[in-house]
N, C-alpha and C. Protein backbone atom coordinates (compact mmCIF):
# COMPACT_ATOMS: atom_id res chain seq x y z
N ASN A 1 6.26 -15.36 0.53
CA ASN A 1 7.50 -15.73 -0.10
C ASN A 1 8.06 -16.95 0.63
N THR A 2 8.44 -17.96 -0.11
CA THR A 2 8.96 -19.18 0.50
C THR A 2 10.47 -19.30 0.39
N ASP A 3 11.14 -18.36 -0.24
CA ASP A 3 12.60 -18.39 -0.37
C ASP A 3 13.22 -17.79 0.88
N MET A 4 13.94 -18.61 1.65
CA MET A 4 14.53 -18.16 2.91
C MET A 4 15.68 -17.17 2.70
N MET A 5 16.16 -17.02 1.48
CA MET A 5 17.26 -16.10 1.21
C MET A 5 16.76 -14.69 0.87
N VAL A 6 15.44 -14.55 0.76
CA VAL A 6 14.86 -13.27 0.35
C VAL A 6 14.07 -12.67 1.52
N THR A 7 14.28 -11.39 1.76
CA THR A 7 13.54 -10.68 2.79
C THR A 7 12.10 -10.48 2.35
N ASN A 8 11.15 -10.71 3.25
CA ASN A 8 9.73 -10.51 2.96
C ASN A 8 9.33 -9.12 3.42
N LEU A 9 8.70 -8.36 2.55
CA LEU A 9 8.22 -7.02 2.87
C LEU A 9 6.72 -6.99 2.65
N PHE A 10 5.99 -6.40 3.58
CA PHE A 10 4.53 -6.35 3.46
C PHE A 10 4.02 -5.10 4.14
N SER A 11 2.81 -4.69 3.75
CA SER A 11 2.17 -3.57 4.45
C SER A 11 1.28 -4.14 5.54
N LEU A 12 1.11 -3.37 6.61
CA LEU A 12 0.33 -3.80 7.76
C LEU A 12 -0.98 -3.03 7.79
N LEU A 13 -2.09 -3.75 7.86
CA LEU A 13 -3.39 -3.11 8.00
C LEU A 13 -3.70 -2.94 9.48
N SER A 14 -4.66 -2.08 9.79
CA SER A 14 -4.97 -1.78 11.19
C SER A 14 -5.41 -3.01 11.97
N GLY A 15 -6.00 -4.01 11.34
CA GLY A 15 -6.43 -5.22 12.03
C GLY A 15 -5.33 -6.25 12.17
N GLY A 16 -4.10 -5.91 11.78
CA GLY A 16 -2.99 -6.84 11.90
C GLY A 16 -2.75 -7.68 10.66
N GLN A 17 -3.57 -7.51 9.62
CA GLN A 17 -3.37 -8.26 8.39
C GLN A 17 -2.10 -7.80 7.70
N LYS A 18 -1.46 -8.76 7.01
CA LYS A 18 -0.23 -8.47 6.28
C LYS A 18 -0.51 -8.66 4.79
N LEU A 19 -0.23 -7.64 3.99
CA LEU A 19 -0.46 -7.70 2.55
C LEU A 19 0.84 -7.49 1.80
N SER A 20 1.16 -8.43 0.90
CA SER A 20 2.35 -8.24 0.08
C SER A 20 2.05 -7.32 -1.10
N VAL A 21 0.78 -7.22 -1.48
CA VAL A 21 0.35 -6.28 -2.51
C VAL A 21 -0.80 -5.48 -1.90
N ASN A 22 -0.67 -4.16 -1.90
CA ASN A 22 -1.68 -3.31 -1.29
C ASN A 22 -1.93 -2.11 -2.20
N ALA A 23 -3.02 -2.16 -2.93
CA ALA A 23 -3.37 -1.04 -3.80
C ALA A 23 -3.93 0.08 -2.94
N LEU A 24 -3.46 1.28 -3.17
CA LEU A 24 -3.92 2.43 -2.39
C LEU A 24 -4.94 3.22 -3.20
N PRO A 25 -5.94 3.78 -2.53
CA PRO A 25 -6.93 4.58 -3.24
C PRO A 25 -6.33 5.90 -3.70
N LEU A 26 -7.08 6.61 -4.53
CA LEU A 26 -6.68 7.94 -4.96
C LEU A 26 -6.43 8.81 -3.73
N GLN A 27 -5.33 9.52 -3.72
CA GLN A 27 -4.95 10.30 -2.54
C GLN A 27 -5.77 11.58 -2.47
N THR A 28 -6.70 11.63 -1.51
CA THR A 28 -7.50 12.83 -1.31
C THR A 28 -7.02 13.62 -0.11
N ASP A 29 -6.29 12.98 0.80
CA ASP A 29 -5.75 13.66 1.98
C ASP A 29 -4.33 14.10 1.67
N SER A 30 -3.78 14.94 2.51
CA SER A 30 -2.42 15.43 2.27
C SER A 30 -1.36 14.43 2.71
N VAL A 31 -1.74 13.42 3.52
CA VAL A 31 -0.78 12.40 3.97
C VAL A 31 -1.44 11.03 3.89
N VAL A 32 -0.76 10.09 3.24
CA VAL A 32 -1.15 8.68 3.29
C VAL A 32 -0.01 7.96 3.98
N TYR A 33 -0.32 7.28 5.06
CA TYR A 33 0.69 6.61 5.88
C TYR A 33 0.53 5.11 5.70
N VAL A 34 1.60 4.41 5.29
CA VAL A 34 1.56 2.98 5.03
C VAL A 34 2.56 2.28 5.95
N PRO A 35 2.09 1.68 7.07
CA PRO A 35 3.00 0.93 7.94
C PRO A 35 3.53 -0.30 7.20
N LEU A 36 4.79 -0.59 7.39
CA LEU A 36 5.42 -1.73 6.72
C LEU A 36 5.90 -2.75 7.73
N GLY A 37 5.83 -4.01 7.34
CA GLY A 37 6.40 -5.09 8.13
C GLY A 37 7.49 -5.77 7.32
N LEU A 38 8.36 -6.45 8.02
CA LEU A 38 9.50 -7.06 7.36
C LEU A 38 9.86 -8.34 8.10
N ARG A 39 10.15 -9.39 7.35
CA ARG A 39 10.67 -10.63 7.93
C ARG A 39 11.92 -11.01 7.16
N THR A 40 13.00 -11.20 7.90
CA THR A 40 14.24 -11.62 7.28
C THR A 40 14.75 -12.85 8.03
N TYR A 41 15.28 -13.80 7.27
CA TYR A 41 15.72 -15.07 7.85
C TYR A 41 17.22 -15.11 8.10
N ARG A 42 17.90 -14.02 7.78
CA ARG A 42 19.34 -13.99 8.02
C ARG A 42 19.77 -12.57 8.36
N ASP A 43 20.87 -12.45 9.08
CA ASP A 43 21.42 -11.15 9.44
C ASP A 43 22.01 -10.50 8.19
N GLY A 44 21.95 -9.18 8.14
CA GLY A 44 22.59 -8.49 7.02
C GLY A 44 21.94 -7.16 6.72
N GLU A 45 22.41 -6.56 5.63
CA GLU A 45 21.92 -5.25 5.22
C GLU A 45 20.66 -5.40 4.37
N VAL A 46 19.67 -4.56 4.66
CA VAL A 46 18.45 -4.50 3.87
C VAL A 46 18.42 -3.11 3.22
N VAL A 47 18.14 -3.09 1.93
CA VAL A 47 18.12 -1.84 1.18
C VAL A 47 16.69 -1.58 0.72
N PHE A 48 16.17 -0.41 1.08
CA PHE A 48 14.84 0.02 0.64
C PHE A 48 15.07 1.05 -0.47
N ALA A 49 14.53 0.78 -1.65
CA ALA A 49 14.75 1.68 -2.78
C ALA A 49 13.53 1.69 -3.68
N LEU A 50 13.35 2.79 -4.40
CA LEU A 50 12.33 2.87 -5.44
C LEU A 50 13.01 2.47 -6.75
N ARG A 51 12.54 1.39 -7.34
CA ARG A 51 13.18 0.91 -8.56
C ARG A 51 12.59 1.58 -9.80
N ASP A 52 11.29 1.55 -9.93
CA ASP A 52 10.61 2.17 -11.07
C ASP A 52 9.56 3.12 -10.54
N LEU A 53 9.70 4.38 -10.87
CA LEU A 53 8.76 5.40 -10.41
C LEU A 53 8.31 6.20 -11.62
N GLU A 54 7.02 6.11 -11.91
CA GLU A 54 6.48 6.80 -13.07
C GLU A 54 5.30 7.67 -12.68
N ASN A 55 5.18 8.79 -13.33
CA ASN A 55 4.01 9.67 -13.21
C ASN A 55 3.78 10.19 -11.79
N LEU A 56 4.83 10.40 -11.04
CA LEU A 56 4.68 10.98 -9.71
C LEU A 56 4.50 12.49 -9.87
N PRO A 57 3.37 13.03 -9.40
CA PRO A 57 3.17 14.48 -9.52
C PRO A 57 4.26 15.25 -8.77
N GLU A 58 4.55 16.47 -9.22
CA GLU A 58 5.61 17.28 -8.62
C GLU A 58 5.33 17.63 -7.17
N ASN A 59 4.05 17.69 -6.78
CA ASN A 59 3.72 18.09 -5.42
C ASN A 59 3.62 16.92 -4.45
N VAL A 60 4.14 15.75 -4.83
CA VAL A 60 4.08 14.56 -3.98
C VAL A 60 5.49 14.10 -3.62
N ARG A 61 5.69 13.84 -2.34
CA ARG A 61 6.97 13.30 -1.85
C ARG A 61 6.71 11.94 -1.22
N ILE A 62 7.65 11.02 -1.37
CA ILE A 62 7.55 9.71 -0.74
C ILE A 62 8.66 9.62 0.29
N MET A 63 8.25 9.55 1.56
CA MET A 63 9.20 9.51 2.67
C MET A 63 9.24 8.10 3.25
N PHE A 64 10.44 7.62 3.55
CA PHE A 64 10.62 6.35 4.23
C PHE A 64 10.99 6.66 5.67
N ARG A 65 10.28 6.05 6.61
CA ARG A 65 10.50 6.35 8.03
C ARG A 65 10.95 5.11 8.78
N ASP A 66 11.97 5.28 9.59
CA ASP A 66 12.49 4.23 10.47
C ASP A 66 12.30 4.71 11.90
N ALA A 67 11.37 4.10 12.63
CA ALA A 67 11.04 4.56 13.98
C ALA A 67 12.17 4.33 14.96
N VAL A 68 13.02 3.34 14.73
CA VAL A 68 14.11 3.06 15.68
C VAL A 68 15.24 4.07 15.53
N SER A 69 15.67 4.32 14.29
CA SER A 69 16.77 5.27 14.09
C SER A 69 16.28 6.71 14.03
N GLY A 70 14.98 6.90 13.80
CA GLY A 70 14.43 8.24 13.67
C GLY A 70 14.62 8.83 12.29
N ALA A 71 15.10 8.03 11.34
CA ALA A 71 15.37 8.54 9.99
C ALA A 71 14.07 8.80 9.24
N ASN A 72 14.06 9.90 8.51
CA ASN A 72 13.00 10.25 7.56
C ASN A 72 13.71 10.54 6.25
N ALA A 73 13.69 9.58 5.33
CA ALA A 73 14.42 9.74 4.08
C ALA A 73 13.47 9.98 2.93
N ASP A 74 13.74 11.02 2.14
CA ASP A 74 12.98 11.28 0.92
C ASP A 74 13.46 10.26 -0.12
N MET A 75 12.60 9.31 -0.46
CA MET A 75 13.01 8.21 -1.33
C MET A 75 13.31 8.66 -2.76
N VAL A 76 12.76 9.78 -3.18
CA VAL A 76 12.99 10.25 -4.54
C VAL A 76 14.32 10.99 -4.63
N SER A 77 14.57 11.93 -3.73
CA SER A 77 15.78 12.75 -3.84
C SER A 77 16.98 12.16 -3.10
N ALA A 78 16.76 11.44 -1.99
CA ALA A 78 17.88 10.93 -1.20
C ALA A 78 18.35 9.56 -1.66
N GLY A 79 17.54 8.85 -2.42
CA GLY A 79 17.93 7.53 -2.89
C GLY A 79 17.66 6.45 -1.87
N PRO A 80 18.31 5.28 -2.02
CA PRO A 80 18.02 4.13 -1.16
C PRO A 80 18.30 4.39 0.32
N TYR A 81 17.53 3.71 1.17
CA TYR A 81 17.75 3.73 2.62
C TYR A 81 18.30 2.36 2.99
N ARG A 82 19.42 2.34 3.68
CA ARG A 82 20.08 1.09 4.05
C ARG A 82 20.09 0.93 5.56
N VAL A 83 19.86 -0.31 6.01
CA VAL A 83 19.88 -0.60 7.43
C VAL A 83 20.36 -2.04 7.63
N THR A 84 21.16 -2.25 8.67
CA THR A 84 21.62 -3.59 9.01
C THR A 84 20.69 -4.16 10.07
N LEU A 85 20.15 -5.36 9.79
CA LEU A 85 19.18 -5.98 10.69
C LEU A 85 19.59 -7.40 11.03
N ALA A 86 19.24 -7.81 12.24
CA ALA A 86 19.39 -9.21 12.62
C ALA A 86 18.19 -9.97 12.07
N ALA A 87 18.32 -11.26 11.87
CA ALA A 87 17.21 -12.08 11.40
C ALA A 87 16.03 -11.92 12.36
N GLY A 88 14.83 -11.83 11.81
CA GLY A 88 13.65 -11.70 12.67
C GLY A 88 12.52 -10.97 12.00
N ASP A 89 11.48 -10.70 12.78
CA ASP A 89 10.29 -9.98 12.32
C ASP A 89 10.36 -8.54 12.81
N TYR A 90 10.02 -7.62 11.93
CA TYR A 90 10.02 -6.20 12.26
C TYR A 90 8.67 -5.62 11.85
N GLU A 91 7.84 -5.33 12.85
CA GLU A 91 6.55 -4.70 12.59
C GLU A 91 6.52 -3.38 13.35
N ASN A 92 5.89 -2.40 12.76
CA ASN A 92 5.74 -1.06 13.34
C ASN A 92 7.07 -0.32 13.47
N ARG A 93 8.08 -0.74 12.74
CA ARG A 93 9.35 0.00 12.73
C ARG A 93 9.45 0.87 11.48
N PHE A 94 9.06 0.34 10.34
CA PHE A 94 9.21 1.04 9.08
C PHE A 94 7.86 1.48 8.54
N ALA A 95 7.87 2.56 7.77
CA ALA A 95 6.63 3.04 7.15
C ALA A 95 6.96 3.92 5.95
N LEU A 96 6.00 4.02 5.05
CA LEU A 96 6.06 4.99 3.96
C LEU A 96 5.05 6.07 4.27
N ALA A 97 5.43 7.30 4.04
CA ALA A 97 4.50 8.42 4.15
C ALA A 97 4.49 9.10 2.79
N ILE A 98 3.32 9.15 2.19
CA ILE A 98 3.16 9.80 0.89
C ILE A 98 2.56 11.16 1.16
N LEU A 99 3.36 12.19 0.95
CA LEU A 99 2.98 13.56 1.31
C LEU A 99 2.62 14.35 0.06
N LYS A 100 1.45 14.95 0.10
CA LYS A 100 0.98 15.75 -1.03
C LYS A 100 0.86 17.19 -0.56
N SER A 101 1.56 18.08 -1.23
CA SER A 101 1.49 19.50 -0.89
C SER A 101 0.14 20.04 -1.32
N THR A 102 -0.58 20.63 -0.37
CA THR A 102 -1.90 21.18 -0.70
C THR A 102 -1.83 22.66 -1.03
N THR A 103 -0.69 23.28 -0.77
CA THR A 103 -0.58 24.72 -1.03
C THR A 103 0.21 25.02 -2.28
N GLY A 104 0.99 24.07 -2.75
CA GLY A 104 1.82 24.32 -3.91
C GLY A 104 3.07 25.10 -3.56
N VAL A 105 3.29 25.40 -2.28
CA VAL A 105 4.48 26.13 -1.85
C VAL A 105 5.55 25.10 -1.52
N GLU A 106 6.68 25.20 -2.17
CA GLU A 106 7.77 24.27 -1.93
C GLU A 106 8.56 24.67 -0.69
N THR A 107 9.15 23.67 -0.02
CA THR A 107 10.01 23.94 1.12
C THR A 107 11.30 24.57 0.62
N LEU A 108 11.67 25.68 1.19
CA LEU A 108 12.90 26.34 0.79
C LEU A 108 14.10 25.63 1.40
N PRO A 109 15.23 25.57 0.69
CA PRO A 109 16.40 24.88 1.23
C PRO A 109 16.81 25.38 2.61
N GLU A 110 16.72 26.69 2.86
CA GLU A 110 17.14 27.20 4.17
C GLU A 110 16.21 26.73 5.29
N GLU A 111 14.95 26.38 4.96
CA GLU A 111 14.05 25.85 5.99
C GLU A 111 14.53 24.48 6.46
N ASP A 112 15.06 23.66 5.53
CA ASP A 112 15.56 22.35 5.90
C ASP A 112 16.70 22.47 6.90
N GLU A 113 17.56 23.46 6.74
CA GLU A 113 18.68 23.66 7.64
C GLU A 113 18.24 24.32 8.94
N LEU A 114 17.19 25.09 8.89
CA LEU A 114 16.71 25.81 10.06
C LEU A 114 16.06 24.89 11.08
N PHE A 115 15.20 23.96 10.65
CA PHE A 115 14.42 23.17 11.58
C PHE A 115 13.92 21.89 10.92
N SER A 116 13.97 20.80 11.66
CA SER A 116 13.33 19.56 11.24
C SER A 116 12.79 18.87 12.48
N ALA A 117 11.79 18.00 12.28
CA ALA A 117 11.17 17.31 13.41
C ALA A 117 10.63 15.97 12.95
N TYR A 118 10.57 15.02 13.89
CA TYR A 118 9.96 13.72 13.62
C TYR A 118 9.47 13.14 14.94
N CYS A 119 8.63 12.10 14.83
CA CYS A 119 8.08 11.43 16.01
C CYS A 119 8.88 10.17 16.28
N TYR A 120 9.08 9.86 17.55
CA TYR A 120 9.72 8.62 17.96
C TYR A 120 8.99 8.17 19.22
N GLY A 121 8.13 7.17 19.08
CA GLY A 121 7.31 6.75 20.21
C GLY A 121 6.43 7.89 20.65
N ASP A 122 6.46 8.23 21.94
CA ASP A 122 5.68 9.35 22.46
C ASP A 122 6.49 10.64 22.50
N GLN A 123 7.63 10.64 21.81
CA GLN A 123 8.48 11.83 21.81
C GLN A 123 8.39 12.58 20.49
N LEU A 124 8.50 13.88 20.61
CA LEU A 124 8.73 14.74 19.45
C LEU A 124 10.22 15.04 19.47
N ARG A 125 10.90 14.72 18.40
CA ARG A 125 12.33 14.99 18.31
C ARG A 125 12.53 16.07 17.26
N ALA A 126 13.27 17.10 17.65
CA ALA A 126 13.46 18.24 16.76
C ALA A 126 14.94 18.58 16.66
N ASN A 127 15.33 19.04 15.49
CA ASN A 127 16.68 19.56 15.25
C ASN A 127 16.54 21.04 14.91
N VAL A 128 17.12 21.87 15.75
CA VAL A 128 17.10 23.32 15.53
C VAL A 128 18.46 23.71 14.98
N GLY A 129 18.47 24.29 13.78
CA GLY A 129 19.72 24.66 13.13
C GLY A 129 20.21 26.05 13.49
N ARG A 130 19.27 26.97 13.76
CA ARG A 130 19.66 28.35 14.08
C ARG A 130 18.68 28.97 15.06
N VAL A 131 19.21 29.86 15.89
CA VAL A 131 18.38 30.67 16.79
C VAL A 131 18.71 32.12 16.48
N SER A 132 17.69 32.90 16.15
CA SER A 132 17.87 34.32 15.86
C SER A 132 17.58 35.09 17.14
N GLY A 133 18.52 35.89 17.58
CA GLY A 133 18.34 36.60 18.85
C GLY A 133 18.64 35.66 20.01
N SER A 134 17.86 35.73 21.06
CA SER A 134 18.17 34.95 22.26
C SER A 134 17.35 33.68 22.41
N GLU A 135 16.26 33.52 21.64
CA GLU A 135 15.44 32.32 21.83
C GLU A 135 14.61 32.02 20.60
N GLY A 136 14.07 30.80 20.59
CA GLY A 136 13.12 30.36 19.58
C GLY A 136 12.02 29.58 20.28
N THR A 137 10.95 29.31 19.56
CA THR A 137 9.83 28.58 20.14
C THR A 137 9.39 27.47 19.19
N ILE A 138 9.26 26.27 19.75
CA ILE A 138 8.71 25.13 19.02
C ILE A 138 7.27 24.97 19.49
N THR A 139 6.33 25.01 18.56
CA THR A 139 4.92 24.86 18.92
C THR A 139 4.31 23.75 18.08
N VAL A 140 3.32 23.06 18.66
CA VAL A 140 2.61 21.99 17.96
C VAL A 140 1.13 22.36 17.95
N TYR A 141 0.54 22.31 16.76
CA TYR A 141 -0.88 22.61 16.58
C TYR A 141 -1.59 21.41 15.97
N ASP A 142 -2.83 21.17 16.40
CA ASP A 142 -3.63 20.16 15.71
C ASP A 142 -4.18 20.79 14.43
N LEU A 143 -4.85 20.00 13.62
CA LEU A 143 -5.34 20.53 12.34
C LEU A 143 -6.50 21.50 12.51
N GLY A 144 -7.04 21.60 13.72
CA GLY A 144 -8.06 22.60 14.01
C GLY A 144 -7.45 23.93 14.39
N GLY A 145 -6.10 24.01 14.42
CA GLY A 145 -5.41 25.25 14.75
C GLY A 145 -5.22 25.47 16.24
N ARG A 146 -5.54 24.45 17.06
CA ARG A 146 -5.39 24.59 18.52
C ARG A 146 -3.96 24.26 18.94
N LEU A 147 -3.40 25.10 19.79
CA LEU A 147 -2.07 24.87 20.35
C LEU A 147 -2.14 23.69 21.31
N VAL A 148 -1.30 22.67 21.10
CA VAL A 148 -1.30 21.51 21.99
C VAL A 148 0.02 21.33 22.73
N PHE A 149 1.07 22.07 22.31
CA PHE A 149 2.38 21.95 22.97
C PHE A 149 3.23 23.15 22.57
N ALA A 150 4.05 23.63 23.51
CA ALA A 150 5.00 24.71 23.21
C ALA A 150 6.24 24.56 24.08
N ARG A 151 7.39 24.89 23.50
CA ARG A 151 8.64 24.85 24.26
C ARG A 151 9.59 25.92 23.71
N LYS A 152 10.21 26.64 24.62
CA LYS A 152 11.24 27.63 24.25
C LYS A 152 12.58 26.91 24.11
N VAL A 153 13.38 27.36 23.15
CA VAL A 153 14.74 26.87 22.99
C VAL A 153 15.67 28.07 22.93
N PHE A 154 16.88 27.87 23.40
CA PHE A 154 17.81 29.00 23.50
C PHE A 154 19.09 28.81 22.71
N GLU A 155 19.26 27.62 22.12
CA GLU A 155 20.45 27.37 21.32
C GLU A 155 20.16 26.29 20.29
N PRO A 156 20.94 26.26 19.20
CA PRO A 156 20.77 25.20 18.21
C PRO A 156 21.08 23.84 18.84
N GLY A 157 20.50 22.80 18.29
CA GLY A 157 20.77 21.45 18.77
C GLY A 157 19.58 20.54 18.60
N ARG A 158 19.72 19.34 19.19
CA ARG A 158 18.66 18.33 19.13
C ARG A 158 17.85 18.39 20.41
N TYR A 159 16.55 18.29 20.27
CA TYR A 159 15.65 18.34 21.41
C TYR A 159 14.71 17.13 21.37
N ASN A 160 14.66 16.38 22.49
CA ASN A 160 13.73 15.26 22.65
C ASN A 160 12.69 15.69 23.66
N MET A 161 11.43 15.77 23.22
CA MET A 161 10.36 16.29 24.07
C MET A 161 9.28 15.24 24.25
N ASP A 162 9.01 14.89 25.51
CA ASP A 162 7.92 13.97 25.81
C ASP A 162 6.61 14.72 25.69
N ILE A 163 5.76 14.27 24.78
CA ILE A 163 4.46 14.90 24.62
C ILE A 163 3.40 13.82 24.56
N ASN A 164 2.24 14.12 25.06
CA ASN A 164 1.14 13.17 25.09
C ASN A 164 0.08 13.64 24.09
N LEU A 165 0.17 13.10 22.87
CA LEU A 165 -0.76 13.50 21.82
C LEU A 165 -1.60 12.31 21.38
N LYS A 166 -2.81 12.58 20.95
CA LYS A 166 -3.65 11.56 20.33
C LYS A 166 -3.10 11.29 18.94
N LYS A 167 -3.41 10.11 18.40
CA LYS A 167 -3.01 9.81 17.03
C LYS A 167 -3.62 10.84 16.09
N GLY A 168 -2.82 11.31 15.15
CA GLY A 168 -3.34 12.27 14.19
C GLY A 168 -2.25 13.03 13.46
N ILE A 169 -2.67 14.00 12.70
CA ILE A 169 -1.77 14.86 11.93
C ILE A 169 -1.61 16.18 12.69
N TYR A 170 -0.37 16.64 12.83
CA TYR A 170 -0.08 17.86 13.57
C TYR A 170 0.88 18.73 12.75
N LEU A 171 0.83 20.03 13.01
CA LEU A 171 1.77 20.98 12.43
C LEU A 171 2.73 21.41 13.53
N VAL A 172 4.02 21.22 13.29
CA VAL A 172 5.06 21.61 14.24
C VAL A 172 5.74 22.84 13.66
N ASN A 173 5.70 23.93 14.40
CA ASN A 173 6.23 25.20 13.93
C ASN A 173 7.41 25.61 14.79
N TYR A 174 8.43 26.14 14.13
CA TYR A 174 9.56 26.72 14.85
C TYR A 174 9.67 28.17 14.39
N ILE A 175 9.76 29.08 15.35
CA ILE A 175 9.92 30.50 15.04
C ILE A 175 10.99 31.09 15.95
N SER A 176 11.87 31.86 15.35
CA SER A 176 12.93 32.53 16.09
C SER A 176 13.23 33.84 15.36
N GLY A 177 12.88 34.96 15.97
CA GLY A 177 13.04 36.24 15.29
C GLY A 177 12.20 36.25 14.03
N SER A 178 12.83 36.54 12.90
CA SER A 178 12.11 36.54 11.62
C SER A 178 12.20 35.19 10.91
N LEU A 179 12.86 34.21 11.54
CA LEU A 179 13.00 32.88 10.95
C LEU A 179 11.80 32.02 11.33
N SER A 180 11.32 31.22 10.38
CA SER A 180 10.18 30.37 10.66
C SER A 180 10.21 29.15 9.75
N ALA A 181 9.81 27.99 10.29
CA ALA A 181 9.68 26.76 9.50
C ALA A 181 8.56 25.93 10.11
N THR A 182 7.85 25.21 9.27
CA THR A 182 6.76 24.36 9.73
C THR A 182 6.90 22.97 9.12
N VAL A 183 6.66 21.94 9.95
CA VAL A 183 6.73 20.55 9.53
C VAL A 183 5.39 19.91 9.84
N LYS A 184 4.86 19.13 8.90
CA LYS A 184 3.63 18.38 9.13
C LYS A 184 4.02 16.97 9.56
N LEU A 185 3.46 16.49 10.70
CA LEU A 185 3.80 15.17 11.22
C LEU A 185 2.56 14.31 11.41
N ALA A 186 2.71 13.03 11.10
CA ALA A 186 1.69 12.03 11.42
C ALA A 186 2.13 11.39 12.73
N PHE A 187 1.44 11.67 13.82
CA PHE A 187 1.84 11.22 15.15
C PHE A 187 1.05 9.97 15.53
N GLY A 188 1.77 8.87 15.79
CA GLY A 188 1.14 7.65 16.26
C GLY A 188 0.36 6.89 15.21
N LEU A 189 0.50 7.25 13.96
CA LEU A 189 -0.24 6.56 12.89
C LEU A 189 0.61 5.51 12.24
């Protein structure tokens, strides 16, 4: 784009290539992660929105991720994501995650209030909404079902946990009494 008044948005390939148009293959995995780059020539608000969305299957969610703020916004149900940026280049800050449910089981509304988690750098950040009894446990499993991290929590709140994980997809589970919620995360991708 040669117009200095327009923000440039592009996807980033693993070799550092920047594509303004990037066709994605048929989604065979449960998560497709698309790193985004951005160049803006002036300070101001940038709005990320889905303008035309057709034929999106019911079991697919499109999440917009901001690594600096830690935001994970569902682009279909939450609407536009707004952020104020200074002029400059932004790579590895924003991404789209296209999530396909492989079980057909929808997330229950009370699960959203009970527990949420996201990655920020080498940290796992979690929000615990409720603790049943005296404690709860946050556990992280790789896709082979191996436990790679566990932490006890004793009260609702935000938890920032330094964890050393390889790049990949992980399941983060929270259990407290009879309450349970699981979040699938793409770590370092």
